[in-house]
C-alpha atoms as a PDB file:
ATOM      1  CA  MET A   1     134.608 -38.145 -66.187  1.00  0.00           C
ATOM      2  CA  LEU A   2     131.014 -38.694 -67.270  1.00  0.00           C
ATOM      3  CA  THR A   3     128.866 -35.841 -68.569  1.00  0.00           C
ATOM      4  CA  LEU A   4     125.145 -36.219 -69.192  1.00  0.00           C
ATOM      5  CA  ARG A   5     123.487 -34.667 -72.232  1.00  0.00           C
ATOM      6  CA  LYS A   6     119.722 -34.589 -71.741  1.00  0.00           C
ATOM      7  CA  SER A   7     117.363 -35.309 -74.601  1.00  0.00           C
ATOM      8  CA  GLN A   8     115.561 -31.970 -74.297  1.00  0.00           C
ATOM      9  CA  ASP A   9     118.851 -30.081 -74.628  1.00  0.00           C
ATOM     10  CA  ARG A  10     119.431 -31.336 -78.169  1.00  0.00           C
ATOM     11  CA  GLY A  11     118.886 -29.090 -81.162  1.00  0.00           C
ATOM     12  CA  HIS A  12     115.592 -29.469 -82.986  1.00  0.00           C
ATOM     13  CA  ALA A  13     114.458 -28.879 -86.554  1.00  0.00           C
ATOM     14  CA  ASP A  14     110.964 -29.244 -88.017  1.00  0.00           C
ATOM     15  CA  HIS A  15     110.803 -29.069 -91.801  1.00  0.00           C
ATOM     16  CA  GLY A  16     107.315 -30.537 -92.019  1.00  0.00           C
ATOM     17  CA  TRP A  17     108.356 -33.675 -93.916  1.00  0.00           C
ATOM     18  CA  LEU A  18     111.352 -34.103 -91.573  1.00  0.00           C
ATOM     19  CA  LYS A  19     111.562 -33.769 -87.823  1.00  0.00           C
ATOM     20  CA  SER A  20     115.111 -34.017 -86.482  1.00  0.00           C
ATOM     21  CA  GLN A  21     116.911 -33.815 -83.148  1.00  0.00           C
ATOM     22  CA  HIS A  22     120.603 -32.938 -83.254  1.00  0.00           C
ATOM     23  CA  SER A  23     123.016 -34.113 -80.559  1.00  0.00           C
ATOM     24  CA  PHE A  24     125.750 -31.912 -82.060  1.00  0.00           C
ATOM     25  CA  SER A  25     125.803 -28.711 -84.105  1.00  0.00           C
ATOM     26  CA  PHE A  26     124.275 -29.351 -87.515  1.00  0.00           C
ATOM     27  CA  ALA A  27     122.765 -27.197 -90.273  1.00  0.00           C
ATOM     28  CA  GLY A  28     120.806 -24.388 -88.588  1.00  0.00           C
ATOM     29  CA  TYR A  29     121.575 -25.599 -85.065  1.00  0.00           C
ATOM     30  CA  TYR A  30     124.857 -24.268 -83.708  1.00  0.00           C
ATOM     31  CA  ASP A  31     126.209 -24.717 -80.192  1.00  0.00           C
ATOM     32  CA  PRO A  32     129.982 -24.229 -79.795  1.00  0.00           C
ATOM     33  CA  ALA A  33     129.888 -26.432 -76.675  1.00  0.00           C
ATOM     34  CA  HIS A  34     128.538 -29.351 -78.716  1.00  0.00           C
ATOM     35  CA  MET A  35     130.475 -29.670 -81.967  1.00  0.00           C
ATOM     36  CA  GLY A  36     131.100 -33.419 -81.636  1.00  0.00           C
ATOM     37  CA  TRP A  37     132.833 -35.848 -79.318  1.00  0.00           C
ATOM     38  CA  GLY A  38     136.171 -37.261 -80.345  1.00  0.00           C
ATOM     39  CA  ASN A  39     135.810 -38.136 -84.018  1.00  0.00           C
ATOM     40  CA  LEU A  40     132.021 -38.501 -83.711  1.00  0.00           C
ATOM     41  CA  ARG A  41     130.619 -35.488 -85.518  1.00  0.00           C
ATOM     42  CA  VAL A  42     126.863 -36.021 -86.016  1.00  0.00           C
ATOM     43  CA  ILE A  43     124.054 -37.944 -84.360  1.00  0.00           C
ATOM     44  CA  ASN A  44     120.726 -36.894 -85.811  1.00  0.00           C
ATOM     45  CA  GLU A  45     117.527 -38.646 -84.766  1.00  0.00           C
ATOM     46  CA  ASP A  46     115.357 -38.235 -87.859  1.00  0.00           C
ATOM     47  CA  ARG A  47     111.699 -38.915 -88.566  1.00  0.00           C
ATOM     48  CA  ILE A  48     110.752 -38.810 -92.255  1.00  0.00           C
ATOM     49  CA  ALA A  49     107.078 -38.382 -93.092  1.00  0.00           C
ATOM     50  CA  PRO A  50     105.403 -40.865 -95.480  1.00  0.00           C
ATOM     51  CA  GLY A  51     106.147 -40.314 -99.146  1.00  0.00           C
ATOM     52  CA  SER A  52     109.058 -37.937 -98.590  1.00  0.00           C
ATOM     53  CA  GLY A  53     112.801 -37.931 -98.060  1.00  0.00           C
ATOM     54  CA  PHE A  54     116.200 -36.454 -98.794  1.00  0.00           C
ATOM     55  CA  GLY A  55     116.677 -35.750-102.495  1.00  0.00           C
ATOM     56  CA  ALA A  56     120.006 -36.366-104.202  1.00  0.00           C
ATOM     57  CA  HIS A  57     122.801 -34.445-102.504  1.00  0.00           C
ATOM     58  CA  GLY A  58     126.543 -34.804-102.061  1.00  0.00           C
ATOM     59  CA  HIS A  59     129.066 -35.586 -99.323  1.00  0.00           C
ATOM     60  CA  ARG A  60     132.839 -35.850 -99.085  1.00  0.00           C
ATOM     61  CA  ASP A  61     135.266 -37.336 -96.569  1.00  0.00           C
ATOM     62  CA  MET A  62     132.842 -38.673 -93.966  1.00  0.00           C
ATOM     63  CA  GLU A  63     131.822 -42.116 -92.731  1.00  0.00           C
ATOM     64  CA  ILE A  64     128.007 -42.039 -92.629  1.00  0.00           C
ATOM     65  CA  VAL A  65     126.108 -44.719 -90.707  1.00  0.00           C
ATOM     66  CA  SER A  66     122.329 -45.187 -90.813  1.00  0.00           C
ATOM     67  CA  TYR A  67     120.545 -47.150 -88.069  1.00  0.00           C
ATOM     68  CA  VAL A  68     116.820 -47.651 -88.711  1.00  0.00           C
ATOM     69  CA  LEU A  69     114.410 -48.054 -85.785  1.00  0.00           C
ATOM     70  CA  SER A  70     111.059 -48.270 -87.591  1.00  0.00           C
ATOM     71  CA  GLY A  71     109.744 -47.966 -91.103  1.00  0.00           C
ATOM     72  CA  SER A  72     112.264 -48.350 -93.904  1.00  0.00           C
ATOM     73  CA  LEU A  73     114.733 -46.177 -95.781  1.00  0.00           C
ATOM     74  CA  ALA A  74     115.218 -46.438 -99.553  1.00  0.00           C
ATOM     75  CA  HIS A  75     118.812 -45.611-100.514  1.00  0.00           C
ATOM     76  CA  LYS A  76     120.232 -44.713-103.947  1.00  0.00           C
ATOM     77  CA  ASP A  77     123.714 -43.399-104.704  1.00  0.00           C
ATOM     78  CA  SER A  78     126.101 -42.478-107.498  1.00  0.00           C
ATOM     79  CA  MET A  79     128.017 -45.740-106.940  1.00  0.00           C
ATOM     80  CA  GLY A  80     125.047 -47.640-108.389  1.00  0.00           C
ATOM     81  CA  ASN A  81     123.621 -48.911-105.103  1.00  0.00           C
ATOM     82  CA  GLY A  82     119.866 -49.076-104.695  1.00  0.00           C
ATOM     83  CA  THR A  83     118.736 -50.763-101.487  1.00  0.00           C
ATOM     84  CA  VAL A  84     116.108 -50.642 -98.767  1.00  0.00           C
ATOM     85  CA  ILE A  85     117.274 -50.382 -95.151  1.00  0.00           C
ATOM     86  CA  PRO A  86     114.823 -52.006 -92.691  1.00  0.00           C
ATOM     87  CA  PRO A  87     114.996 -52.004 -88.874  1.00  0.00           C
ATOM     88  CA  GLY A  88     117.911 -54.137 -87.711  1.00  0.00           C
ATOM     89  CA  ASP A  89     120.137 -53.214 -90.634  1.00  0.00           C
ATOM     90  CA  VAL A  90     123.214 -51.015 -90.348  1.00  0.00           C
ATOM     91  CA  GLN A  91     124.321 -49.097 -93.430  1.00  0.00           C
ATOM     92  CA  ARG A  92     127.785 -47.590 -93.861  1.00  0.00           C
ATOM     93  CA  MET A  93     128.479 -45.190 -96.683  1.00  0.00           C
ATOM     94  CA  SER A  94     132.020 -43.862 -97.106  1.00  0.00           C
ATOM     95  CA  ALA A  95     131.709 -40.503 -98.850  1.00  0.00           C
ATOM     96  CA  GLY A  96     135.448 -40.355 -99.531  1.00  0.00           C
ATOM     97  CA  SER A  97     136.397 -38.364-102.643  1.00  0.00           C
ATOM     98  CA  GLY A  98     132.734 -37.572-103.264  1.00  0.00           C
ATOM     99  CA  VAL A  99     129.364 -39.296-103.557  1.00  0.00           C
ATOM    100  CA  MET A 100     125.780 -38.336-104.369  1.00  0.00           C
ATOM    101  CA  HIS A 101     122.909 -40.111-102.646  1.00  0.00           C
ATOM    102  CA  SER A 102     119.252 -39.917-101.689  1.00  0.00           C
ATOM    103  CA  GLU A 103     117.306 -41.429 -98.787  1.00  0.00           C
ATOM    104  CA  PHE A 104     113.531 -41.786 -99.081  1.00  0.00           C
ATOM    105  CA  ASN A 105     110.501 -43.103 -97.229  1.00  0.00           C
ATOM    106  CA  HIS A 106     108.257 -44.543 -99.934  1.00  0.00           C
ATOM    107  CA  ALA A 107     105.583 -45.771 -97.494  1.00  0.00           C
ATOM    108  CA  GLN A 108     102.299 -43.875 -97.649  1.00  0.00           C
ATOM    109  CA  ASP A 109     101.200 -44.570 -94.092  1.00  0.00           C
ATOM    110  CA  GLU A 110     104.340 -45.036 -91.961  1.00  0.00           C
ATOM    111  CA  THR A 111     107.012 -42.667 -90.671  1.00  0.00           C
ATOM    112  CA  THR A 112     110.636 -43.750 -91.021  1.00  0.00           C
ATOM    113  CA  HIS A 113     112.503 -43.283 -87.728  1.00  0.00           C
ATOM    114  CA  PHE A 114     116.270 -43.608 -87.936  1.00  0.00           C
ATOM    115  CA  PHE A 115     119.614 -42.343 -86.717  1.00  0.00           C
ATOM    116  CA  GLN A 116     122.009 -40.588 -89.066  1.00  0.00           C
ATOM    117  CA  ILE A 117     125.561 -40.807 -87.701  1.00  0.00           C
ATOM    118  CA  TRP A 118     128.694 -39.140 -89.103  1.00  0.00           C
ATOM    119  CA  ILE A 119     132.213 -40.143 -88.064  1.00  0.00           C
ATOM    120  CA  GLU A 120     135.352 -38.409 -89.301  1.00  0.00           C
ATOM    121  CA  PRO A 121     137.484 -40.771 -91.421  1.00  0.00           C
ATOM    122  CA  ASN A 122     141.107 -41.647 -90.685  1.00  0.00           C
ATOM    123  CA  ARG A 123     142.081 -40.803 -94.261  1.00  0.00           C
ATOM    124  CA  ARG A 124     140.662 -38.338 -96.761  1.00  0.00           C
ATOM    125  CA  GLY A 125     140.088 -38.807-100.456  1.00  0.00           C
ATOM    126  CA  ILE A 126     139.456 -42.558-100.429  1.00  0.00           C
ATOM    127  CA  ALA A 127     137.242 -44.188-103.038  1.00  0.00           C
ATOM    128  CA  PRO A 128     133.568 -43.992-102.006  1.00  0.00           C
ATOM    129  CA  GLY A 129     132.153 -47.229-100.624  1.00  0.00           C
ATOM    130  CA  TYR A 130     128.967 -48.839 -99.344  1.00  0.00           C
ATOM    131  CA  GLU A 131     128.127 -51.699 -96.993  1.00  0.00           C
ATOM    132  CA  GLN A 132     124.912 -52.921 -95.368  1.00  0.00           C
ATOM    133  CA  LYS A 133     124.402 -55.763 -92.883  1.00  0.00           C
ATOM    134  CA  THR A 134     121.567 -57.184 -90.814  1.00  0.00           C
ATOM    135  CA  PHE A 135     121.855 -57.688 -87.051  1.00  0.00           C
ATOM    136  CA  ALA A 136     118.981 -59.670 -85.561  1.00  0.00           C
ATOM    137  CA  GLU A 137     117.424 -58.616 -82.265  1.00  0.00           C
ATOM    138  CA  ALA A 138     118.631 -61.853 -80.671  1.00  0.00           C
ATOM    139  CA  GLU A 139     122.246 -60.819 -81.349  1.00  0.00           C
ATOM    140  CA  LYS A 140     121.760 -57.598 -79.368  1.00  0.00           C
ATOM    141  CA  ARG A 141     119.564 -58.822 -76.539  1.00  0.00           C
ATOM    142  CA  GLY A 142     121.294 -58.746 -73.152  1.00  0.00           C
ATOM    143  CA  ARG A 143     124.636 -57.727 -74.661  1.00  0.00           C
ATOM    144  CA  LEU A 144     126.503 -55.169 -76.730  1.00  0.00           C
ATOM    145  CA  ARG A 145     126.784 -56.362 -80.323  1.00  0.00           C
ATOM    146  CA  LEU A 146     129.633 -54.880 -82.357  1.00  0.00           C
ATOM    147  CA  VAL A 147     127.958 -53.521 -85.503  1.00  0.00           C
ATOM    148  CA  ALA A 148     130.688 -51.247 -86.957  1.00  0.00           C
ATOM    149  CA  SER A 149     134.467 -51.283 -86.519  1.00  0.00           C
ATOM    150  CA  PRO A 150     137.719 -50.425 -88.335  1.00  0.00           C
ATOM    151  CA  THR A 151     138.433 -54.088 -89.098  1.00  0.00           C
ATOM    152  CA  GLY A 152     134.951 -55.500 -89.711  1.00  0.00           C
ATOM    153  CA  ALA A 153     135.447 -57.756 -86.690  1.00  0.00           C
ATOM    154  CA  GLU A 154     132.650 -60.144 -85.673  1.00  0.00           C
ATOM    155  CA  GLY A 155     130.836 -59.510 -88.932  1.00  0.00           C
ATOM    156  CA  SER A 156     130.429 -55.783 -88.312  1.00  0.00           C
ATOM    157  CA  VAL A 157     130.403 -53.245 -91.127  1.00  0.00           C
ATOM    158  CA  THR A 158     133.851 -51.775 -91.794  1.00  0.00           C
ATOM    159  CA  LEU A 159     134.517 -48.139 -90.913  1.00  0.00           C
ATOM    160  CA  HIS A 160     137.370 -46.169 -92.447  1.00  0.00           C
ATOM    161  CA  ALA A 161     137.674 -44.463 -89.076  1.00  0.00           C
ATOM    162  CA  ASP A 162     139.180 -45.065 -85.643  1.00  0.00           C
ATOM    163  CA  ALA A 163     135.823 -45.848 -84.046  1.00  0.00           C
ATOM    164  CA  SER A 164     133.694 -48.811 -83.043  1.00  0.00           C
ATOM    165  CA  LEU A 165     129.923 -48.888 -82.614  1.00  0.00           C
ATOM    166  CA  TYR A 166     127.975 -51.342 -80.447  1.00  0.00           C
ATOM    167  CA  ALA A 167     124.184 -51.819 -80.244  1.00  0.00           C
ATOM    168  CA  GLY A 168     122.352 -53.427 -77.332  1.00  0.00           C
ATOM    169  CA  LEU A 169     118.851 -54.340 -76.160  1.00  0.00           C
ATOM    170  CA  LEU A 170     118.809 -54.485 -72.361  1.00  0.00           C
ATOM    171  CA  ASP A 171     116.058 -55.087 -69.823  1.00  0.00           C
ATOM    172  CA  GLY A 172     115.531 -56.115 -66.213  1.00  0.00           C
ATOM    173  CA  ASP A 173     118.595 -57.691 -64.623  1.00  0.00           C
ATOM    174  CA  ASP A 174     120.776 -57.326 -67.722  1.00  0.00           C
ATOM    175  CA  THR A 175     124.192 -55.910 -66.854  1.00  0.00           C
ATOM    176  CA  VAL A 176     126.892 -55.296 -69.452  1.00  0.00           C
ATOM    177  CA  ALA A 177     130.485 -54.174 -68.894  1.00  0.00           C
ATOM    178  CA  LEU A 178     132.887 -52.857 -71.516  1.00  0.00           C
ATOM    179  CA  ALA A 179     136.547 -52.078 -70.911  1.00  0.00           C
ATOM    180  CA  LEU A 180     137.598 -48.606 -72.077  1.00  0.00           C
ATOM    181  CA  ASP A 181     140.967 -47.068 -72.841  1.00  0.00           C
ATOM    182  CA  PRO A 182     141.173 -43.918 -70.657  1.00  0.00           C
ATOM    183  CA  ALA A 183     143.137 -42.198 -73.433  1.00  0.00           C
ATOM    184  CA  ARG A 184     140.118 -42.518 -75.751  1.00  0.00           C
ATOM    185  CA  LYS A 185     136.562 -41.241 -75.542  1.00  0.00           C
ATOM    186  CA  ALA A 186     133.240 -43.060 -75.373  1.00  0.00           C
ATOM    187  CA  TYR A 187     129.711 -41.948 -76.114  1.00  0.00           C
ATOM    188  CA  VAL A 188     126.526 -43.690 -74.991  1.00  0.00           C
ATOM    189  CA  HIS A 189     123.240 -42.764 -76.655  1.00  0.00           C
ATOM    190  CA  LEU A 190     120.083 -44.231 -75.146  1.00  0.00           C
ATOM    191  CA  VAL A 191     117.689 -44.679 -78.051  1.00  0.00           C
ATOM    192  CA  ARG A 192     114.719 -45.531 -75.828  1.00  0.00           C
ATOM    193  CA  GLY A 193     113.830 -46.905 -72.401  1.00  0.00           C
ATOM    194  CA  THR A 194     115.718 -46.343 -69.163  1.00  0.00           C
ATOM    195  CA  LEU A 195     119.315 -47.270 -68.376  1.00  0.00           C
ATOM    196  CA  GLN A 196     122.032 -46.632 -65.817  1.00  0.00           C
ATOM    197  CA  VAL A 197     125.454 -45.749 -67.226  1.00  0.00           C
ATOM    198  CA  ASN A 198     128.182 -46.087 -64.582  1.00  0.00           C
ATOM    199  CA  GLY A 199     125.473 -45.487 -61.988  1.00  0.00           C
ATOM    200  CA  ARG A 200     123.919 -42.435 -63.698  1.00  0.00           C
ATOM    201  CA  THR A 201     120.335 -42.765 -64.924  1.00  0.00           C
ATOM    202  CA  LEU A 202     119.463 -42.007 -68.544  1.00  0.00           C
ATOM    203  CA  GLN A 203     116.037 -41.749 -70.135  1.00  0.00           C
ATOM    204  CA  GLY A 204     115.299 -42.228 -73.834  1.00  0.00           C
ATOM    205  CA  GLY A 205     117.118 -39.631 -75.918  1.00  0.00           C
ATOM    206  CA  ASP A 206     119.741 -38.900 -73.238  1.00  0.00           C
ATOM    207  CA  ALA A 207     123.457 -39.428 -73.816  1.00  0.00           C
ATOM    208  CA  ALA A 208     126.562 -39.898 -71.686  1.00  0.00           C
ATOM    209  CA  LEU A 209     129.940 -38.504 -72.775  1.00  0.00           C
ATOM    210  CA  LEU A 210     132.894 -40.318 -71.198  1.00  0.00           C
ATOM    211  CA  ALA A 211     136.561 -39.338 -71.021  1.00  0.00           C
ATOM    212  CA  ASP A 212     139.389 -40.609 -68.800  1.00  0.00           C
ATOM    213  CA  GLU A 213     137.306 -43.679 -67.922  1.00  0.00           C
ATOM    214  CA  SER A 214     138.616 -47.264 -67.865  1.00  0.00           C
ATOM    215  CA  SER A 215     135.287 -49.062 -67.856  1.00  0.00           C
ATOM    216  CA  LEU A 216     131.650 -48.761 -68.826  1.00  0.00           C
ATOM    217  CA  THR A 217     128.857 -50.534 -66.962  1.00  0.00           C
ATOM    218  CA  LEU A 218     125.266 -50.595 -68.213  1.00  0.00           C
ATOM    219  CA  SER A 219     122.623 -51.746 -65.728  1.00  0.00           C
ATOM    220  CA  GLY A 220     119.172 -50.946 -64.319  1.00  0.00           C
ATOM    221  CA  ALA A 221     117.613 -51.294 -67.753  1.00  0.00           C
ATOM    222  CA  ALA A 222     113.946 -51.042 -68.623  1.00  0.00           C
ATOM    223  CA  ALA A 223     113.165 -51.761 -72.300  1.00  0.00           C
ATOM    224  CA  ALA A 224     116.440 -50.062 -73.261  1.00  0.00           C
ATOM    225  CA  GLU A 225     117.941 -49.817 -76.729  1.00  0.00           C
ATOM    226  CA  VAL A 226     121.410 -48.310 -76.615  1.00  0.00           C
ATOM    227  CA  LEU A 227     124.243 -47.308 -78.946  1.00  0.00           C
ATOM    228  CA  VAL A 228     127.792 -47.220 -77.559  1.00  0.00           C
ATOM    229  CA  PHE A 229     130.718 -45.610 -79.381  1.00  0.00           C
ATOM    230  CA  ASP A 230     134.425 -46.205 -78.686  1.00  0.00           C
ATOM    231  CA  LEU A 231     136.126 -43.170 -80.236  1.00  0.00           C
ATOM    232  CA  ALA A 232     139.461 -41.629 -81.054  1.00  0.00           C
ATOM    233  CA  PRO A 233     140.190 -38.737 -78.672  1.00  0.00           C
END
């Protein structure tokens, strides 16, 4: 079963300094039909205005992944980390027993465009943790590059969750197939461009929710950037 979720059907918030689109219920956006998919709880597409950002705030018991598309994101946390996340980097922060952090766009003339992703952990109360890795465009072009997984396979960041995340850059005749376990769920988010998912056409911002499927085929791409999640049911 494949269900399409159109970009325009997402929740939307405009706080002036932050414009955000919510794939699932979040903050002031509530839709009981879209509370998450498997153990994927949040996909927010955020745009942070120059010179602004999220002040220090806390989280517990969530695996939080940041995927930057343009601009950069300055990260600080109560674990002592202070880094900058540029496009191509994937950041994983395990909130665990509790962590404080801030995310800021220090540029004065450039918006930071990124995805904030929350995945429910497989165990609560773990020690907070942080990891950040770079994945070059060449590693994602014409294929799905594993960027986050429970084991850190293939140099991916390690999730304390039963989930894997792939990123791909597809165009023209590129065709990619991924075997799925029908007992699990999958989620495909098209960041930008055009792409066919098992024969269904997605435009930038659209998503495909898959259940009871044994395979995933991505084809018919035009300047497509895509995120694919393999998820616990």
